[in-house]
């Protein structure tokens, strides 16, 4: 059985659609984090993949989110061990910081359904490679990865954010957008973030209706991406250990 660790920063930023795909694949999922009431491990030992979700803090806001140093150490261990890793929104920003990139305030906030473009390099990527040249996904961020880590591969961009998706090493992906979020998620965040909507010059109704009209396409497209990431974790689960290959 493929074992996946999910780091949840806040209970209203859960695993969503990706969780549905993990359940469909029969994965054993462990959720850790402050609202889950389970301490974040410093090592990915015993897991085949790690997913780090989004949240309101910045990637180095340790004074308001004292669990972040543990998350960064966990992600560093994933990179060292080449364990499949997926960072979403804050998770992507944490991945960038851990790997030597830089996160700053966004030039403009991105909220709601946002069009994006895949890079030429994305065509060869094992997780994002099957996507069409233009895609869309839910966004809700006020920070962005301003500088990618050394040696990383840029996979996706938008008009307001140059680094929407990237890969670090062979098995670590960061996505600024919320592939896990559908209409229900957008409705909840729109209800709770009136200031964000005002800054983006959007209304709650606009955000929800855009997501509702695109729901079927979003579900199909990002389910397939989640499935491909799960396949990398499953491949890790079935790979022979060093002890087995030495016999």
Protein backbone atom coordinates (compact mmCIF):
# COMPACT_ATOMS: atom_id res chain seq x y z
CA UNK A 1 0.00 0.00 0.00
CA UNK A 2 1.25 3.48 -0.90
CA UNK A 3 1.68 5.62 2.23
CA UNK A 4 1.25 9.38 1.85
CA UNK A 5 1.86 12.03 4.51
CA UNK A 6 -0.22 15.21 4.20
CA UNK A 7 0.87 18.38 6.03
CA UNK A 8 -2.21 20.53 6.67
CA UNK A 9 -1.53 24.05 7.94
CA UNK A 10 -5.17 25.03 8.46
CA UNK A 11 -8.36 22.98 8.55
CA UNK A 12 -10.06 25.12 5.88
CA UNK A 13 -7.22 24.41 3.43
CA UNK A 14 -7.55 20.66 3.21
CA UNK A 15 -6.58 18.05 0.64
CA UNK A 16 -9.80 18.35 -1.37
CA UNK A 17 -9.76 16.80 -4.84
CA UNK A 18 -6.29 15.32 -4.32
CA UNK A 19 -7.65 13.50 -1.28
CA UNK A 20 -10.38 11.98 -3.44
CA UNK A 21 -7.75 10.65 -5.83
CA UNK A 22 -5.62 9.28 -2.98
CA UNK A 23 -8.67 7.40 -1.69
CA UNK A 24 -9.49 6.14 -5.19
CA UNK A 25 -5.93 4.79 -5.49
CA UNK A 26 -6.20 3.00 -2.14
CA UNK A 27 -3.43 5.03 -0.51
CA UNK A 28 -2.94 5.09 3.26
CA UNK A 29 -3.09 8.80 4.15
CA UNK A 30 -1.84 10.39 7.38
CA UNK A 31 -2.75 14.04 8.01
CA UNK A 32 -0.54 16.05 10.37
CA UNK A 33 -0.44 19.68 11.44
CA UNK A 34 -1.67 22.10 14.10
CA UNK A 35 -5.41 21.77 13.46
CA UNK A 36 -5.13 18.01 12.94
CA UNK A 37 -3.55 17.78 16.40
CA UNK A 38 -0.70 15.57 15.13
CA UNK A 39 2.90 16.75 15.26
CA UNK A 40 4.70 17.16 11.95
CA UNK A 41 7.54 14.63 11.66
CA UNK A 42 11.05 15.78 10.82
CA UNK A 43 11.65 12.83 8.52
CA UNK A 44 9.54 11.20 5.78
CA UNK A 45 10.63 7.77 6.97
CA UNK A 46 7.87 5.18 6.52
CA UNK A 47 6.15 7.24 3.79
CA UNK A 48 6.24 6.96 0.01
CA UNK A 49 5.21 10.54 -0.69
CA UNK A 50 4.60 13.85 1.08
CA UNK A 51 2.07 16.59 0.24
CA UNK A 52 2.36 20.03 1.85
CA UNK A 53 -0.82 22.09 1.53
CA UNK A 54 -1.59 25.81 1.48
CA UNK A 55 -2.30 28.25 4.28
CA UNK A 56 -2.26 31.92 5.23
CA UNK A 57 1.29 32.29 6.68
CA UNK A 58 4.32 33.04 4.57
CA UNK A 59 6.95 30.30 4.27
CA UNK A 60 9.19 31.88 6.94
CA UNK A 61 6.52 33.36 9.24
CA UNK A 62 7.75 31.26 12.16
CA UNK A 63 6.60 33.80 14.77
CA UNK A 64 2.94 33.25 13.85
CA UNK A 65 3.25 29.64 12.67
CA UNK A 66 5.74 27.92 14.94
CA UNK A 67 5.38 24.58 13.13
CA UNK A 68 6.96 25.88 9.91
CA UNK A 69 10.58 25.00 10.87
CA UNK A 70 9.49 21.35 11.18
CA UNK A 71 7.83 21.52 7.76
CA UNK A 72 10.97 22.94 6.17
CA UNK A 73 13.12 20.25 7.77
CA UNK A 74 10.70 17.56 6.55
CA UNK A 75 10.79 18.94 3.01
CA UNK A 76 14.59 19.15 3.09
CA UNK A 77 14.68 15.47 3.99
CA UNK A 78 12.33 14.67 1.08
CA UNK A 79 14.66 16.49 -1.33
CA UNK A 80 17.70 14.73 0.10
CA UNK A 81 16.07 11.31 -0.21
CA UNK A 82 14.40 12.11 -3.57
CA UNK A 83 11.04 11.15 -2.06
CA UNK A 84 8.00 12.23 -4.12
CA UNK A 85 6.93 15.63 -2.81
CA UNK A 86 4.09 17.98 -3.80
CA UNK A 87 3.86 21.52 -2.44
CA UNK A 88 0.64 23.46 -3.03
CA UNK A 89 0.52 27.28 -2.70
CA UNK A 90 2.26 27.82 0.69
CA UNK A 91 3.71 24.35 0.17
CA UNK A 92 5.25 25.49 -3.12
CA UNK A 93 6.66 28.59 -1.47
CA UNK A 94 8.16 26.45 1.30
CA UNK A 95 9.70 24.16 -1.31
CA UNK A 96 11.25 27.15 -3.09
CA UNK A 97 12.74 28.52 0.14
CA UNK A 98 14.08 25.14 1.27
CA UNK A 99 15.74 24.55 -2.10
CA UNK A 100 17.36 27.99 -2.29
CA UNK A 101 14.78 30.12 -4.08
CA UNK A 102 13.16 33.38 -2.97
CA UNK A 103 9.57 34.29 -2.08
CA UNK A 104 8.28 37.89 -2.06
CA UNK A 105 4.99 39.76 -2.03
CA UNK A 106 3.13 39.19 -5.27
CA UNK A 107 3.05 42.02 -7.79
CA UNK A 108 -0.75 41.62 -7.70
CA UNK A 109 -2.91 39.10 -5.84
CA UNK A 110 -4.38 36.20 -7.80
CA UNK A 111 -7.82 35.11 -6.59
CA UNK A 112 -10.35 32.85 -8.24
CA UNK A 113 -10.17 30.95 -11.51
CA UNK A 114 -6.97 32.00 -13.29
CA UNK A 115 -5.71 31.15 -16.79
CA UNK A 116 -2.15 29.84 -17.04
CA UNK A 117 0.33 28.69 -19.70
CA UNK A 118 2.54 25.62 -19.65
CA UNK A 119 6.21 26.11 -20.50
CA UNK A 120 7.99 24.17 -23.24
CA UNK A 121 9.87 22.22 -20.55
CA UNK A 122 6.59 20.97 -19.08
CA UNK A 123 6.09 18.64 -22.05
CA UNK A 124 8.72 16.27 -20.63
CA UNK A 125 7.49 16.40 -17.03
CA UNK A 126 6.10 13.11 -15.63
CA UNK A 127 3.33 14.85 -13.65
CA UNK A 128 2.38 17.98 -15.64
CA UNK A 129 3.52 16.84 -19.08
CA UNK A 130 0.14 15.72 -20.42
CA UNK A 131 -1.55 19.10 -19.91
CA UNK A 132 -2.59 21.28 -22.86
CA UNK A 133 -0.70 24.55 -23.50
CA UNK A 134 -3.34 26.62 -21.66
CA UNK A 135 -5.01 25.59 -18.40
CA UNK A 136 -6.85 27.21 -15.50
CA UNK A 137 -7.08 26.59 -11.76
CA UNK A 138 -8.20 28.17 -8.51
CA UNK A 139 -5.77 30.73 -7.08
CA UNK A 140 -5.70 32.50 -3.71
CA UNK A 141 -2.30 34.01 -2.97
CA UNK A 142 -0.62 37.27 -2.04
CA UNK A 143 2.97 35.96 -2.09
CA UNK A 144 4.83 34.35 -4.98
CA UNK A 145 8.05 32.55 -5.83
CA UNK A 146 10.07 35.43 -7.25
CA UNK A 147 13.20 33.36 -7.88
CA UNK A 148 13.24 29.65 -8.54
CA UNK A 149 15.74 27.42 -6.73
CA UNK A 150 19.00 26.70 -8.58
CA UNK A 151 18.64 23.86 -11.07
CA UNK A 152 14.84 23.76 -10.90
CA UNK A 153 12.61 23.51 -13.97
CA UNK A 154 9.85 26.09 -14.64
CA UNK A 155 6.67 24.32 -15.74
CA UNK A 156 3.84 26.86 -15.74
CA UNK A 157 3.25 30.64 -15.68
CA UNK A 158 0.46 33.22 -15.68
CA UNK A 159 0.29 36.88 -16.59
CA UNK A 160 0.73 37.94 -12.95
CA UNK A 161 2.93 35.14 -11.67
CA UNK A 162 5.96 33.85 -13.57
CA UNK A 163 6.41 30.72 -11.47
CA UNK A 164 3.09 28.93 -11.20
CA UNK A 165 4.64 25.46 -11.18
CA UNK A 166 8.16 24.09 -11.00
CA UNK A 167 10.08 20.91 -10.30
CA UNK A 168 13.10 20.58 -8.03
CA UNK A 169 15.22 17.52 -8.72
CA UNK A 170 13.49 14.42 -10.10
CA UNK A 171 10.53 14.08 -7.70
CA UNK A 172 9.58 17.38 -6.01
CA UNK A 173 6.88 19.62 -7.49
CA UNK A 174 5.62 23.02 -6.39
CA UNK A 175 2.36 24.50 -7.69
CA UNK A 176 1.27 28.00 -6.70
CA UNK A 177 -2.31 27.26 -7.76
CA UNK A 178 -4.82 25.08 -5.94
CA UNK A 179 -5.32 21.96 -8.04
CA UNK A 180 -7.12 20.47 -5.03
CA UNK A 181 -9.70 23.27 -4.86
CA UNK A 182 -13.09 23.25 -6.61
CA UNK A 183 -16.26 25.34 -6.22
CA UNK A 184 -16.89 24.42 -2.59
CA UNK A 185 -13.40 25.52 -1.59
CA UNK A 186 -13.71 28.78 -3.51
CA UNK A 187 -17.06 29.51 -1.86
CA UNK A 188 -15.63 28.98 1.62
CA UNK A 189 -12.58 31.15 1.03
CA UNK A 190 -14.66 33.88 -0.62
CA UNK A 191 -16.92 33.93 2.42
CA UNK A 192 -13.96 34.24 4.81
CA UNK A 193 -11.74 36.67 2.86
CA UNK A 194 -13.69 39.78 1.95
CA UNK A 195 -10.51 41.87 2.14
CA UNK A 196 -8.77 39.63 -0.39
CA UNK A 197 -11.70 39.88 -2.75
CA UNK A 198 -11.67 43.66 -2.42
CA UNK A 199 -7.95 43.79 -3.19
CA UNK A 200 -8.51 41.67 -6.31
CA UNK A 201 -11.58 43.74 -7.30
CA UNK A 202 -13.80 40.68 -7.34
CA UNK A 203 -17.09 39.73 -5.74
CA UNK A 204 -17.90 36.49 -4.00
CA UNK A 205 -20.53 35.69 -6.63
CA UNK A 206 -18.07 36.21 -9.50
CA UNK A 207 -15.53 33.85 -7.98
CA UNK A 208 -18.06 31.12 -7.23
CA UNK A 209 -19.80 31.28 -10.62
CA UNK A 210 -16.51 31.11 -12.53
CA UNK A 211 -15.55 27.99 -10.60
CA UNK A 212 -18.99 26.41 -10.97
CA UNK A 213 -18.97 26.80 -14.75
CA UNK A 214 -15.51 25.25 -14.99
CA UNK A 215 -16.00 22.55 -12.34
CA UNK A 216 -16.27 19.52 -14.63
CA UNK A 217 -13.18 20.47 -16.63
CA UNK A 218 -11.19 21.30 -13.50
CA UNK A 219 -12.12 18.03 -11.84
CA UNK A 220 -11.10 15.97 -14.87
CA UNK A 221 -7.86 17.82 -15.57
CA UNK A 222 -6.46 18.08 -12.06
CA UNK A 223 -7.61 14.58 -11.08
CA UNK A 224 -5.36 13.28 -13.87
CA UNK A 225 -2.44 15.36 -12.58
CA UNK A 226 -3.01 14.11 -9.03
CA UNK A 227 -3.11 10.54 -10.34
CA UNK A 228 0.25 11.00 -12.05
CA UNK A 229 1.82 12.32 -8.85
CA UNK A 230 0.32 9.41 -6.92
CA UNK A 231 1.90 7.08 -9.48
CA UNK A 232 5.35 8.45 -8.57
CA UNK A 233 4.67 7.71 -4.91
CA UNK A 234 3.37 4.25 -5.76
CA UNK A 235 6.52 3.57 -7.77
CA UNK A 236 8.55 4.49 -4.70
CA UNK A 237 6.44 2.11 -2.61
CA UNK A 238 7.18 -0.82 -4.90
CA UNK A 239 10.85 -0.02 -5.58
CA UNK A 240 13.27 -2.59 -4.13
CA UNK A 241 15.24 -1.46 -1.10
CA UNK A 242 19.03 -1.42 -0.99
CA UNK A 243 18.95 -4.54 1.17
CA UNK A 244 16.81 -6.37 -1.38
CA UNK A 245 18.97 -5.46 -4.34
CA UNK A 246 22.14 -6.56 -2.54
CA UNK A 247 21.00 -10.16 -2.10
